[in-house]
Amino acid sequence: MTKLKIYLKAIALPVICGLVVGLLTRGAMANFKLLTKPFLAPPAILFPIVWTILYILMGVSYGLLKANNANSLVTEKSYYAQLIVNLIWPIIFFVLEWRFIALLWIILLLVLVINMAYQFFRQEKIAGLLQIPYILWVMFATYLNLFFFLLNR
């Protein structure tokens, strides 16, 4: 497989999965708009933009590993584990409205993302460094989740 195809497949997977989850949670946004927002909560339009960028970076990093034969079973497991947890969080938070469970879930996601970035960095430094925005965003999302929970009990 050519490197271009490797990158396209690697980018397409998280972007398409994120799009599907976005469509699944779309109906729950009406209730979300009624919640008390925490300080620093960005406008709703920012979320799909940021997540698309993060999913692209995730795919580029994973594609870099695959294209350079630098991935291992450990990096594959850490990548797919964080992706699955990432995709389930919006369902817990928006659809089920289980804010406390979502908080615990996003903390798990943060741990998994940090682990994935570390595993990527060990194999290909650039692949790991490309995950820094993802780590920072999930840290920010954890803050938001905590305060959505506290302000809307």
Protein backbone atom coordinates (compact mmCIF):
# COMPACT_ATOMS: atom_id res chain seq x y z
CA MET A 1 0.00 0.00 0.00
CA THR A 2 1.33 3.44 -0.86
CA LYS A 3 2.08 5.91 1.89
CA LEU A 4 -0.69 8.18 0.61
CA LYS A 5 -3.26 5.41 0.99
CA ILE A 6 -1.94 4.60 4.47
CA TYR A 7 -2.36 8.23 5.53
CA LEU A 8 -5.79 8.56 3.93
CA LYS A 9 -7.07 5.44 5.69
CA ALA A 10 -5.50 6.51 8.99
CA ILE A 11 -7.10 9.96 8.79
CA ALA A 12 -10.47 8.74 7.49
CA LEU A 13 -11.11 6.33 10.38
CA PRO A 14 -11.21 8.83 13.28
CA VAL A 15 -12.80 11.58 11.16
CA ILE A 16 -15.63 9.32 9.93
CA CYS A 17 -16.15 7.80 13.39
CA GLY A 18 -16.28 11.30 14.89
CA LEU A 19 -18.79 12.36 12.25
CA VAL A 20 -21.02 9.36 13.01
CA VAL A 21 -20.93 10.08 16.74
CA GLY A 22 -21.65 13.73 16.02
CA LEU A 23 -24.74 12.72 14.07
CA LEU A 24 -25.83 10.33 16.83
CA THR A 25 -25.56 13.02 19.49
CA ARG A 26 -26.98 15.86 17.42
CA GLY A 27 -30.51 15.46 18.79
CA ALA A 28 -29.30 15.83 22.37
CA MET A 29 -27.88 19.30 21.72
CA ALA A 30 -31.21 21.02 22.45
CA ASN A 31 -31.01 19.96 26.10
CA PHE A 32 -27.32 20.86 26.24
CA LYS A 33 -28.07 24.45 25.22
CA LEU A 34 -30.22 24.82 28.35
CA LEU A 35 -27.40 23.95 30.76
CA THR A 36 -25.53 26.49 32.86
CA LYS A 37 -22.18 26.93 31.15
CA PRO A 38 -18.88 26.97 33.03
CA PHE A 39 -16.50 29.90 32.85
CA LEU A 40 -14.37 29.65 29.67
CA ALA A 41 -16.94 27.48 27.86
CA PRO A 42 -16.37 28.14 24.16
CA PRO A 43 -19.21 28.64 21.69
CA ALA A 44 -20.78 25.39 20.48
CA ILE A 45 -19.60 25.94 16.89
CA LEU A 46 -15.99 25.54 18.04
CA PHE A 47 -16.36 21.91 19.13
CA PRO A 48 -16.82 20.21 15.74
CA ILE A 49 -14.02 22.33 14.28
CA VAL A 50 -11.57 21.46 17.05
CA TRP A 51 -12.52 17.77 17.06
CA THR A 52 -12.10 17.52 13.29
CA ILE A 53 -8.60 18.99 13.57
CA LEU A 54 -7.77 16.64 16.45
CA TYR A 55 -9.06 13.60 14.55
CA ILE A 56 -6.95 14.60 11.55
CA LEU A 57 -3.85 14.97 13.75
CA MET A 58 -4.65 11.61 15.33
CA GLY A 59 -4.87 10.03 11.89
CA VAL A 60 -1.68 11.69 10.67
CA SER A 61 0.20 10.42 13.74
CA TYR A 62 -1.10 6.90 13.35
CA GLY A 63 -0.44 7.03 9.60
CA LEU A 64 3.12 8.14 10.29
CA LEU A 65 3.67 5.06 12.43
CA LYS A 66 2.06 2.74 9.87
CA ALA A 67 3.84 4.31 6.88
CA ASN A 68 7.22 3.95 8.57
CA ASN A 69 6.51 0.48 9.98
CA ALA A 70 7.01 1.96 13.44
CA ASN A 71 3.76 0.75 14.98
CA SER A 72 3.64 -2.14 17.40
CA LEU A 73 0.91 -4.10 19.12
CA VAL A 74 1.22 -1.74 22.10
CA THR A 75 0.78 1.38 19.96
CA GLU A 76 -2.15 -0.20 18.11
CA LYS A 77 -3.89 -1.14 21.35
CA SER A 78 -3.31 2.29 22.90
CA TYR A 79 -4.55 4.03 19.73
CA TYR A 80 -7.74 2.01 19.38
CA ALA A 81 -8.47 2.02 23.12
CA GLN A 82 -8.40 5.81 23.33
CA LEU A 83 -10.39 6.13 20.10
CA ILE A 84 -13.16 3.86 21.39
CA VAL A 85 -13.30 5.65 24.75
CA ASN A 86 -13.27 8.99 22.91
CA LEU A 87 -16.22 7.99 20.74
CA ILE A 88 -18.30 6.75 23.67
CA TRP A 89 -17.86 9.88 25.82
CA PRO A 90 -20.29 12.13 23.85
CA ILE A 91 -22.99 9.49 24.11
CA ILE A 92 -22.56 9.32 27.88
CA PHE A 93 -22.41 13.10 28.27
CA PHE A 94 -24.96 14.34 25.72
CA VAL A 95 -27.40 11.51 25.05
CA LEU A 96 -27.53 9.73 28.40
CA GLU A 97 -26.80 12.96 30.33
CA TRP A 98 -24.74 11.05 32.90
CA ARG A 99 -22.45 13.97 33.70
CA PHE A 100 -20.62 12.31 36.61
CA ILE A 101 -20.04 9.06 34.69
CA ALA A 102 -18.91 11.20 31.75
CA LEU A 103 -16.43 12.92 34.07
CA LEU A 104 -14.95 9.59 35.13
CA TRP A 105 -14.95 8.47 31.49
CA ILE A 106 -13.12 11.58 30.28
CA ILE A 107 -10.50 11.14 33.00
CA LEU A 108 -9.98 7.63 31.64
CA LEU A 109 -9.75 9.13 28.16
CA LEU A 110 -7.12 11.61 29.32
CA VAL A 111 -5.00 8.79 30.78
CA LEU A 112 -5.36 6.78 27.57
CA VAL A 113 -4.49 9.76 25.35
CA ILE A 114 -1.38 10.55 27.38
CA ASN A 115 -0.37 6.89 27.17
CA MET A 116 -1.00 6.83 23.42
CA ALA A 117 1.05 9.99 22.89
CA TYR A 118 3.88 8.49 24.94
CA GLN A 119 3.75 5.23 22.96
CA PHE A 120 3.70 7.16 19.68
CA PHE A 121 6.59 9.36 20.84
CA ARG A 122 8.66 6.29 21.67
CA GLN A 123 8.21 5.02 18.10
CA GLU A 124 8.21 8.29 16.12
CA LYS A 125 8.80 11.54 17.99
CA ILE A 126 6.71 13.64 15.59
CA ALA A 127 3.76 11.24 15.94
CA GLY A 128 3.82 11.77 19.69
CA LEU A 129 4.29 15.53 19.52
CA LEU A 130 1.30 15.85 17.17
CA GLN A 131 -0.84 14.59 20.05
CA ILE A 132 -0.05 17.52 22.36
CA PRO A 133 -3.08 19.54 21.15
CA TYR A 134 -5.27 16.48 21.78
CA ILE A 135 -3.94 16.13 25.33
CA LEU A 136 -4.50 19.84 26.00
CA TRP A 137 -8.03 19.75 24.57
CA VAL A 138 -9.00 16.69 26.60
CA MET A 139 -7.64 18.40 29.72
CA PHE A 140 -9.82 21.42 28.89
CA ALA A 141 -12.80 19.16 28.15
CA THR A 142 -12.27 17.50 31.54
CA TYR A 143 -12.48 20.91 33.20
CA LEU A 144 -15.68 21.66 31.25
CA ASN A 145 -17.19 18.28 32.11
CA LEU A 146 -16.42 18.78 35.82
CA PHE A 147 -18.08 22.18 35.90
CA PHE A 148 -21.05 21.15 33.77
CA PHE A 149 -21.59 18.43 36.38
CA LEU A 150 -21.19 20.80 39.34
CA LEU A 151 -23.30 23.64 37.90
CA ASN A 152 -26.16 21.48 36.63
CA ARG A 153 -26.88 18.97 39.39
